[in-house]
Protein backbone atom coordinates (compact mmCIF):
# COMPACT_ATOMS: atom_id res chain seq x y z
CA UNK A 1 -3.00 25.04 -23.58
CA UNK A 2 -3.23 27.95 -21.05
CA UNK A 3 -2.14 30.48 -23.22
CA UNK A 4 -4.47 29.89 -26.06
CA UNK A 5 -7.12 31.03 -23.87
CA UNK A 6 -5.51 34.24 -22.96
CA UNK A 7 -7.19 37.52 -24.63
CA UNK A 8 -5.07 39.82 -26.26
CA UNK A 9 -4.78 42.41 -23.57
CA UNK A 10 -3.83 39.75 -21.00
CA UNK A 11 -1.58 38.65 -23.16
CA UNK A 12 0.43 42.09 -24.03
CA UNK A 13 0.36 42.89 -20.24
CA UNK A 14 2.00 39.36 -19.46
CA UNK A 15 4.65 39.77 -22.32
CA UNK A 16 5.49 43.43 -20.82
CA UNK A 17 6.28 42.17 -17.16
CA UNK A 18 7.88 39.49 -18.22
CA UNK A 19 11.29 40.36 -16.71
CA UNK A 20 9.73 41.25 -13.49
CA UNK A 21 8.36 37.97 -12.92
CA UNK A 22 10.25 35.46 -14.00
CA UNK A 23 12.17 35.92 -10.64
CA UNK A 24 8.10 35.11 -9.00
CA UNK A 25 7.81 31.97 -11.88
CA UNK A 26 11.20 30.65 -10.12
CA UNK A 27 10.00 30.90 -6.76
CA UNK A 28 6.90 29.05 -7.69
CA UNK A 29 8.36 26.54 -9.24
CA UNK A 30 10.89 26.03 -5.76
CA UNK A 31 7.62 26.60 -3.80
CA UNK A 32 5.89 23.57 -5.74
CA UNK A 33 9.17 21.35 -5.76
CA UNK A 34 9.15 21.81 -2.44
CA UNK A 35 5.03 20.80 -2.14
CA UNK A 36 5.72 17.52 -3.87
CA UNK A 37 8.45 16.35 -1.64
CA UNK A 38 6.12 16.80 1.09
CA UNK A 39 3.29 15.30 -0.27
CA UNK A 40 5.25 12.43 -1.30
CA UNK A 41 6.22 11.47 1.92
CA UNK A 42 3.06 10.26 2.67
CA UNK A 43 3.18 8.09 -0.08
CA UNK A 44 5.90 6.21 1.21
CA UNK A 45 5.61 3.40 4.30
CA UNK A 46 8.90 2.44 5.02
CA UNK A 47 10.47 -0.69 6.39
CA UNK A 48 13.99 -0.99 8.83
CA UNK A 49 15.90 -4.08 9.88
CA UNK A 50 15.53 -2.95 13.92
CA UNK A 51 14.14 -5.01 16.30
CA UNK A 52 13.92 -2.44 18.76
CA UNK A 53 13.39 1.11 19.81
CA UNK A 54 17.27 1.62 20.36
CA UNK A 55 18.25 0.39 17.11
CA UNK A 56 19.81 3.24 14.88
CA UNK A 57 17.06 2.18 11.69
CA UNK A 58 14.33 2.55 14.25
CA UNK A 59 15.32 5.78 15.30
CA UNK A 60 15.97 7.14 11.47
CA UNK A 61 12.88 5.71 10.84
CA UNK A 62 11.07 7.73 13.37
CA UNK A 63 13.21 10.59 12.50
CA UNK A 64 11.83 10.48 9.04
CA UNK A 65 8.20 9.98 9.79
CA UNK A 66 8.73 13.41 12.05
CA UNK A 67 10.36 15.59 9.20
CA UNK A 68 7.31 14.15 6.83
CA UNK A 69 10.02 12.18 4.32
CA UNK A 70 8.19 8.62 5.33
CA UNK A 71 4.13 8.31 5.79
CA UNK A 72 4.39 5.30 8.37
CA UNK A 73 6.51 2.09 8.94
CA UNK A 74 6.37 -1.36 7.72
CA UNK A 75 6.51 -3.64 10.48
CA UNK A 76 7.72 -7.54 8.99
CA UNK A 77 8.44 -10.61 10.73
CA UNK A 78 12.17 -9.61 11.50
CA UNK A 79 10.96 -6.64 13.59
CA UNK A 80 9.15 -8.80 15.74
CA UNK A 81 11.07 -9.83 18.54
CA UNK A 82 8.75 -9.17 21.48
CA UNK A 83 5.45 -7.98 22.23
CA UNK A 84 6.83 -5.40 24.50
CA UNK A 85 9.67 -4.05 21.98
CA UNK A 86 7.52 -3.83 18.87
CA UNK A 87 5.11 -1.89 20.81
CA UNK A 88 7.67 0.54 22.10
CA UNK A 89 8.78 0.68 18.45
CA UNK A 90 4.95 1.31 17.55
CA UNK A 91 4.95 4.12 20.03
CA UNK A 92 7.76 5.99 18.92
CA UNK A 93 6.28 5.73 15.39
CA UNK A 94 3.50 7.26 16.37
CA UNK A 95 5.28 10.14 18.83
CA UNK A 96 6.71 10.95 15.42
CA UNK A 97 3.65 11.57 13.73
CA UNK A 98 0.15 10.97 15.34
CA UNK A 99 -1.07 10.37 11.28
CA UNK A 100 1.86 7.86 10.79
CA UNK A 101 0.75 4.71 9.60
CA UNK A 102 1.75 1.18 11.17
CA UNK A 103 1.11 -1.35 8.49
CA UNK A 104 1.72 -5.06 9.06
CA UNK A 105 0.42 -8.35 8.05
CA UNK A 106 -2.18 -10.00 10.95
CA UNK A 107 -4.12 -12.32 8.39
CA UNK A 108 -4.02 -15.13 10.57
CA UNK A 109 -2.66 -18.91 10.52
CA UNK A 110 0.95 -18.58 9.32
CA UNK A 111 0.79 -14.98 8.24
CA UNK A 112 0.47 -13.77 11.52
CA UNK A 113 2.88 -11.34 12.46
CA UNK A 114 1.75 -10.69 16.31
CA UNK A 115 0.75 -14.17 17.52
CA UNK A 116 1.00 -16.34 20.17
CA UNK A 117 4.52 -15.66 21.24
CA UNK A 118 4.25 -11.86 21.38
CA UNK A 119 0.84 -12.03 23.48
CA UNK A 120 -1.62 -11.64 21.08
CA UNK A 121 -4.42 -14.25 20.17
CA UNK A 122 -4.17 -16.36 17.56
CA UNK A 123 -5.82 -16.28 14.62
CA UNK A 124 -7.06 -19.60 12.46
CA UNK A 125 -6.69 -19.30 8.46
CA UNK A 126 -9.32 -17.70 6.16
CA UNK A 127 -9.80 -20.67 5.46
CA UNK A 128 -10.83 -22.37 8.87
CA UNK A 129 -12.96 -19.45 9.75
CA UNK A 130 -15.16 -19.21 6.27
CA UNK A 131 -15.64 -23.17 7.27
CA UNK A 132 -16.53 -23.19 10.82
CA UNK A 133 -17.64 -19.81 11.69
CA UNK A 134 -20.82 -18.03 10.81
CA UNK A 135 -20.57 -14.19 9.50
CA UNK A 136 -21.49 -12.65 13.05
CA UNK A 137 -19.17 -14.66 14.44
CA UNK A 138 -16.46 -13.88 12.14
CA UNK A 139 -16.84 -10.31 12.56
CA UNK A 140 -16.60 -10.61 16.06
CA UNK A 141 -13.29 -12.91 15.88
CA UNK A 142 -12.06 -9.90 13.70
CA UNK A 143 -13.22 -7.47 15.72
CA UNK A 144 -11.05 -8.70 18.76
CA UNK A 145 -8.32 -9.09 16.83
CA UNK A 146 -8.48 -5.45 15.48
CA UNK A 147 -8.79 -4.18 18.67
CA UNK A 148 -5.80 -6.10 20.26
CA UNK A 149 -3.72 -4.50 17.12
CA UNK A 150 -5.31 -1.13 17.65
CA UNK A 151 -4.16 -1.17 21.48
CA UNK A 152 -0.20 -1.93 20.43
CA UNK A 153 -0.30 1.20 18.21
CA UNK A 154 -0.96 -0.27 14.73
CA UNK A 155 -3.43 1.10 12.37
CA UNK A 156 -3.06 -0.77 8.92
CA UNK A 157 -3.33 -4.07 8.10
CA UNK A 158 -2.04 -5.68 5.13
CA UNK A 159 -4.68 -7.71 4.99
CA UNK A 160 -7.33 -10.16 3.91
CA UNK A 161 -6.49 -12.15 0.82
CA UNK A 162 -9.27 -12.09 -1.29
CA UNK A 163 -7.75 -14.43 -3.62
CA UNK A 164 -9.05 -17.74 -4.36
CA UNK A 165 -8.59 -21.46 -2.46
CA UNK A 166 -6.26 -23.32 -4.22
CA UNK A 167 -4.68 -26.27 -2.75
CA UNK A 168 -1.92 -26.28 -5.48
CA UNK A 169 -1.12 -22.66 -4.96
CA UNK A 170 2.09 -22.14 -3.09
CA UNK A 171 2.01 -18.91 -1.04
CA UNK A 172 -2.17 -18.83 -0.70
CA UNK A 173 -3.73 -21.95 -0.98
CA UNK A 174 -1.13 -23.48 1.06
CA UNK A 175 -1.61 -22.13 3.73
CA UNK A 176 -5.48 -21.58 3.60
CA UNK A 177 -5.09 -17.90 3.10
CA UNK A 178 -8.07 -17.64 0.92
CA UNK A 179 -11.28 -17.97 2.96
CA UNK A 180 -12.92 -20.47 -0.40
CA UNK A 181 -13.19 -21.83 -3.59
CA UNK A 182 -16.59 -19.59 -4.00
CA UNK A 183 -16.15 -16.10 -4.82
CA UNK A 184 -19.44 -15.45 -3.10
CA UNK A 185 -18.13 -16.70 0.24
CA UNK A 186 -14.85 -15.07 -0.29
CA UNK A 187 -16.33 -11.59 -0.08
CA UNK A 188 -19.14 -11.83 2.30
CA UNK A 189 -15.88 -13.23 4.93
CA UNK A 190 -12.88 -10.84 4.00
CA UNK A 191 -15.84 -7.97 4.17
CA UNK A 192 -16.69 -9.30 7.97
CA UNK A 193 -12.79 -8.60 8.09
CA UNK A 194 -12.67 -5.36 6.81
CA UNK A 195 -15.80 -4.32 8.85
CA UNK A 196 -14.16 -5.75 12.32
CA UNK A 197 -11.08 -4.32 11.74
CA UNK A 198 -12.23 -1.25 10.93
CA UNK A 199 -14.62 -0.86 13.41
CA UNK A 200 -11.19 -1.25 16.24
CA UNK A 201 -9.87 1.48 13.99
CA UNK A 202 -7.38 -0.56 11.70
CA UNK A 203 -7.67 0.21 8.20
CA UNK A 204 -7.33 -3.18 5.87
CA UNK A 205 -6.09 -3.98 2.09
CA UNK A 206 -7.79 -6.61 0.12
CA UNK A 207 -5.25 -8.48 -1.90
CA UNK A 208 -3.91 -9.33 -4.38
CA UNK A 209 -5.56 -7.51 -7.36
CA UNK A 210 -6.46 -9.40 -10.11
CA UNK A 211 -6.32 -12.79 -8.15
CA UNK A 212 -3.08 -14.55 -6.81
CA UNK A 213 -5.08 -17.68 -6.34
CA UNK A 214 -4.87 -19.85 -8.94
CA UNK A 215 -0.84 -18.94 -9.63
CA UNK A 216 2.12 -21.85 -9.38
CA UNK A 217 4.77 -19.68 -8.36
CA UNK A 218 5.32 -16.69 -5.66
CA UNK A 219 5.60 -13.41 -6.25
CA UNK A 220 8.23 -12.93 -3.36
CA UNK A 221 10.44 -15.11 -5.01
CA UNK A 222 10.40 -13.87 -8.83
CA UNK A 223 8.27 -13.13 -11.99
CA UNK A 224 4.76 -14.81 -11.41
CA UNK A 225 2.34 -15.42 -15.15
CA UNK A 226 -1.01 -16.29 -14.32
CA UNK A 227 -2.00 -16.14 -17.71
CA UNK A 228 -2.58 -19.46 -17.98
CA UNK A 229 -4.45 -20.38 -14.71
CA UNK A 230 -6.31 -16.97 -13.91
CA UNK A 231 -9.96 -16.87 -14.64
CA UNK A 232 -12.99 -13.71 -14.30
CA UNK A 233 -14.25 -14.93 -11.30
CA UNK A 234 -11.33 -13.87 -9.44
CA UNK A 235 -12.01 -10.17 -9.57
CA UNK A 236 -15.43 -10.56 -8.33
CA UNK A 237 -14.60 -10.11 -4.66
CA UNK A 238 -12.76 -6.73 -5.56
CA UNK A 239 -15.92 -5.90 -7.27
CA UNK A 240 -18.40 -6.88 -4.49
CA UNK A 241 -15.74 -4.93 -1.67
CA UNK A 242 -14.97 -2.03 -3.67
CA UNK A 243 -17.35 0.33 -2.29
CA UNK A 244 -15.88 -0.40 1.44
CA UNK A 245 -12.51 -1.08 1.21
CA UNK A 246 -10.24 1.98 2.35
CA UNK A 247 -7.14 0.21 0.37
CA UNK A 248 -6.69 -2.53 -2.15
CA UNK A 249 -3.34 -3.93 -3.16
CA UNK A 250 -2.22 -4.56 -6.96
CA UNK A 251 -0.21 -8.42 -7.24
CA UNK A 252 3.32 -8.70 -8.61
CA UNK A 253 1.58 -10.45 -11.24
CA UNK A 254 1.39 -10.64 -14.99
CA UNK A 255 -1.69 -11.10 -17.36
CA UNK A 256 -1.79 -9.59 -20.64
CA UNK A 257 -5.43 -8.73 -19.99
CA UNK A 258 -4.16 -6.17 -16.72
CA UNK A 259 -0.45 -5.35 -18.03
CA UNK A 260 0.85 -3.20 -19.93
CA UNK A 261 3.28 -4.92 -22.18
CA UNK A 262 5.41 -7.32 -20.09
CA UNK A 263 5.20 -5.07 -16.96
CA UNK A 264 3.43 -6.47 -13.70
CA UNK A 265 0.27 -5.39 -12.86
CA UNK A 266 2.16 -3.18 -9.97
CA UNK A 267 3.36 -0.80 -13.08
CA UNK A 268 0.38 -1.52 -14.94
CA UNK A 269 -1.91 1.49 -15.99
CA UNK A 270 -4.42 -0.90 -17.57
CA UNK A 271 -4.80 -3.02 -14.61
CA UNK A 272 -5.23 -0.24 -11.79
CA UNK A 273 -6.38 3.37 -13.66
CA UNK A 274 -8.61 1.70 -16.27
CA UNK A 275 -10.02 -1.25 -14.61
CA UNK A 276 -9.91 -1.00 -10.85
CA UNK A 277 -9.76 2.86 -10.55
CA UNK A 278 -12.41 3.56 -13.58
CA UNK A 279 -14.05 0.08 -14.34
CA UNK A 280 -14.50 -1.00 -11.16
CA UNK A 281 -14.86 2.26 -9.55
CA UNK A 282 -12.77 1.98 -6.82
CA UNK A 283 -12.22 5.51 -5.03
CA UNK A 284 -10.28 4.17 -1.84
CA UNK A 285 -5.79 3.76 -1.60
CA UNK A 286 -4.17 1.44 -4.23
CA UNK A 287 -1.04 0.35 -3.02
CA UNK A 288 1.55 -1.27 -3.59
CA UNK A 289 3.13 -5.26 -2.40
CA UNK A 290 6.29 -4.45 -1.43
CA UNK A 291 8.84 -3.27 -4.08
CA UNK A 292 11.64 -5.33 -2.51
CA UNK A 293 9.84 -8.45 -3.21
CA UNK A 294 11.68 -10.84 -5.72
CA UNK A 295 9.46 -10.40 -8.61
CA UNK A 296 10.30 -6.43 -8.72
CA UNK A 297 13.94 -6.24 -7.28
CA UNK A 298 15.43 -8.82 -9.61
CA UNK A 299 14.13 -6.68 -12.73
CA UNK A 300 13.76 -3.19 -11.06
CA UNK A 301 16.50 -1.22 -9.89
CA UNK A 302 14.23 1.10 -6.60
CA UNK A 303 14.35 4.79 -8.37
CA UNK A 304 12.40 2.77 -10.88
CA UNK A 305 9.97 0.62 -9.22
CA UNK A 306 9.10 3.55 -7.33
CA UNK A 307 8.27 6.25 -10.44
CA UNK A 308 6.60 2.97 -12.11
CA UNK A 309 4.39 2.37 -9.49
CA UNK A 310 3.19 6.06 -9.17
CA UNK A 311 2.41 6.46 -12.70
CA UNK A 312 0.44 3.38 -13.07
CA UNK A 313 -2.00 4.53 -10.69
CA UNK A 314 -0.46 3.54 -7.19
CA UNK A 315 -1.07 5.97 -4.15
CA UNK A 316 1.11 4.54 -1.50
CA UNK A 317 4.05 2.30 -1.65
CA UNK A 318 5.57 -0.19 0.49
CA UNK A 319 9.28 -0.67 0.94
CA UNK A 320 10.60 -3.28 3.15
CA UNK A 321 14.00 -1.51 3.13
CA UNK A 322 15.88 -4.64 4.88
CA UNK A 323 17.56 -6.32 2.32
CA UNK A 324 19.79 -3.58 1.03
CA UNK A 325 19.17 -1.71 4.22
CA UNK A 326 19.57 2.25 3.38
CA UNK A 327 19.03 4.69 6.01
CA UNK A 328 18.67 7.44 3.58
CA UNK A 329 15.97 5.98 0.90
CA UNK A 330 13.17 8.20 2.46
CA UNK A 331 14.79 11.32 1.67
CA UNK A 332 16.16 9.49 -2.08
CA UNK A 333 12.76 8.40 -2.41
CA UNK A 334 11.29 11.82 -2.23
CA UNK A 335 13.44 13.80 -4.41
CA UNK A 336 13.24 10.84 -7.31
CA UNK A 337 9.21 11.83 -7.02
CA UNK A 338 10.08 15.23 -7.17
CA UNK A 339 12.41 15.16 -10.08
CA UNK A 340 9.41 12.65 -11.89
CA UNK A 341 7.06 15.22 -11.89
CA UNK A 342 9.72 18.07 -13.07
CA UNK A 343 10.66 15.35 -15.72
CA UNK A 344 6.87 14.74 -16.33
CA UNK A 345 6.95 10.94 -15.70
CA UNK A 346 4.27 11.56 -13.33
CA UNK A 347 1.76 14.82 -13.18
CA UNK A 348 1.64 16.73 -10.25
CA UNK A 349 -2.52 16.22 -10.13
CA UNK A 350 -1.48 12.17 -9.53
CA UNK A 351 0.65 12.88 -6.57
CA UNK A 352 -1.94 15.43 -5.17
CA UNK A 353 -4.95 13.11 -6.04
CA UNK A 354 -2.84 9.92 -4.42
CA UNK A 355 -1.87 12.64 -1.00
CA UNK A 356 -5.63 13.30 -0.60
CA UNK A 357 -7.01 9.68 -1.21
CA UNK A 358 -4.07 8.74 1.91
CA UNK A 359 -4.65 11.68 3.80
CA UNK A 360 -8.39 11.12 4.39
CA UNK A 361 -7.87 7.26 4.95
CA UNK A 362 -5.08 8.79 7.94
CA UNK A 363 -7.75 11.01 9.32
CA UNK A 364 -10.23 8.08 9.64
CA UNK A 365 -7.77 5.79 11.16
CA UNK A 366 -5.20 8.00 13.02
CA UNK A 367 -4.07 6.93 16.12
């Protein structure tokens, strides 16, 4: 497209210098590829199987973070052996880069990775809080929880769930993870959650867009079709909180209104770019749920999942890297992304935009 804008004189000058310009063009291509890989690293938050600072996988991830191959660490249940060990591992990751995103699930109830056994104050379920606390009391509760989490070294909480409560749901409703059946109440209490943690220096992620609460199966296990149970009300909390949420997580869910073909929302431009980014005017980070969950792992190779996620409009990719641990995953992933840009499967402008959004949140919530 650029050549059509060249005037005759500039065109002739470029033609005359073409032999000399070739090495410069090649050098620029190499530099651009290196730049893409560097940016790609910041779009990855990866897990590890280790449970202590001395574990090989813990040291390996810290090394990747130090070299810019990963932008942060994902802590799951198997990483949490003791409060002391978790804090030591978090300190190691922060030591590798003060801009690391250290992510964990700290919702409350059953989904609180750092709990009483690790020396943390138990957080009630979202449903209990919305039913028993005023908004100001809820925000105070979540501010206290945020301070504890931040003191341990964490700056990213993969919560709250803004899914509608439905007791028939096996993964949200069953555990009281949804604040209410009323979308206005969900929005208000989720807003208090986000504000409370943010005031303590922890970025929160609303989940699971466009709504997992009405599902009758669990995306941890496999493909989840919400087309017969989902209602338009489920998108309301995302809409109301779009201007204040630093992050929104898409679900590994299928619905024809949101999915491109048979793809889950995670790989859908229609859902993430058209409806969430443009339709709701969302300007923050869009992140994937763990790409190692059954809904993705059973049908897609990790390389394919990474590229499809970025092409759909995700900015930040969560990779637990624990079921089939690969120490070199961050190295491979950044190269896969760089190759995808070269092949035109993902645009360089998209990588740059995602990088800018991620770095903006990192600047705000860095240790």
